[in-house]
Amino acid sequence: MNHFHTTFNIFFIGISLAMLSCSTQSKQASSQSSNPKTETWAEKLGFPKDKIVLILHADDIGMCPEANISASRYLENDHIQSAAVMMPCPNAEEFIQWAIANPQEDVGLHLTLTSEWKTHRWPGLTAVEDAPGLIDEEGHLWRSVRQVVEHASAEEVEKEIRAQIEKSIAFGYRPDHIDTHMGTLYGSHEYTEAYLKVAEEYNIPAMVIDMQDPAIIEAFRSQGYPINQQMIDAVNNYTLPKLDFFGSVPKGKTYEEKCENFYQLLNTLKPGLSEIIFHPSELTDSLKNITNSWQQRVWEAQMFEDPKVIQYMEDKGIVFTNWKEIMQRFEERKF
């Protein structure tokens, strides 16, 4: 067990962001945060000041054929704007080949350091002897964020995320963006520093939330996302585009409740650049055997092509974008 275990209060928070800190550092970060920013990233990139600018983003692509089918259909029909592939997973290459054949679409990498399901599992791409801390006793990536942080050094994590990017490039596809499966790359500030360093080196934008506004930091902390000052500093020093807000599609007990919960999430969005993630998959017996979240994923494969959901977003006047456009605007403005 390495030094991360004794330095931080580690916990796993599902498919969304997973961050950690000690309480003293959290208080320091709150008191040391800079003044609220006066300009959103949407404004900086030239979007209208008063508009919600949104990326609807599909995660966990490449994990199984069911996810690939949903994501490709959604992207082809312009129901979503972005998707990200898990390179260690068994169906990653087929979606990368789809991305090569559809260069107009925004496809990134869902950098993967965990293998959480009971039977459907995968190893990392780095040789075990080069990064032994990434691998559990069964020869796969660890099941939880907690286990990764307890065992893997930042150096090992950096090797693996580089390997995943390089594998995509070797297939002939340069990712449009990178993000983090289960939030593991926010599992320690050292992981985050490695993640952002690699993003800048490749000039591939990472999924990062702007932390200049203390209200954003406290909002995430109030939901159980502790963030320490080193994490804040790493994000504030990062030089590529950032999001103003990030969220995930809430669960529902019925399809109707899930849609209603999504509407409520939309109603919390303020003008600025936001990303909402979800995990669409086609219904099959295989999907049911992979994950106990299959019902939520199947509903998410229905929601964004539902005419009522589409109309709700149109009525709110949402402006949609993707990471391709974000980087184009960013580079044109010579930040």
Foldseek 3Di string as FASTA:
>chain_A
DDPLVVQWDADFDPFDAGAIHDPVLLVVQLVPFAAADPQFLCVVLPHDQFFEEEFEEAEAPQQDVQLLVLVVVCQVVVLGQEYAYAQQHDRRLVSLVVCVVVVVGAYAHADDLAAAWDPSFGAFPDPCVVWVQQADPVRHGHNGLVSSSVRGDLVSSLVRSVSSQVVSVVSVDHHQAYEYGSNSCNHDLSSVLSVLVVCVVSVRHYAAAQDNHSVVQVVVVVVPHRDGNSNNVSRNPRDARYFNEEEEQDDDPDLVRSLVSNLVVVVPDGHHYYYYYDHAGDDDVVLVVGDVCSVRNPSVSVQSVPPVSVVSCVVSVHHYDHSVSSSVSCVVVPD
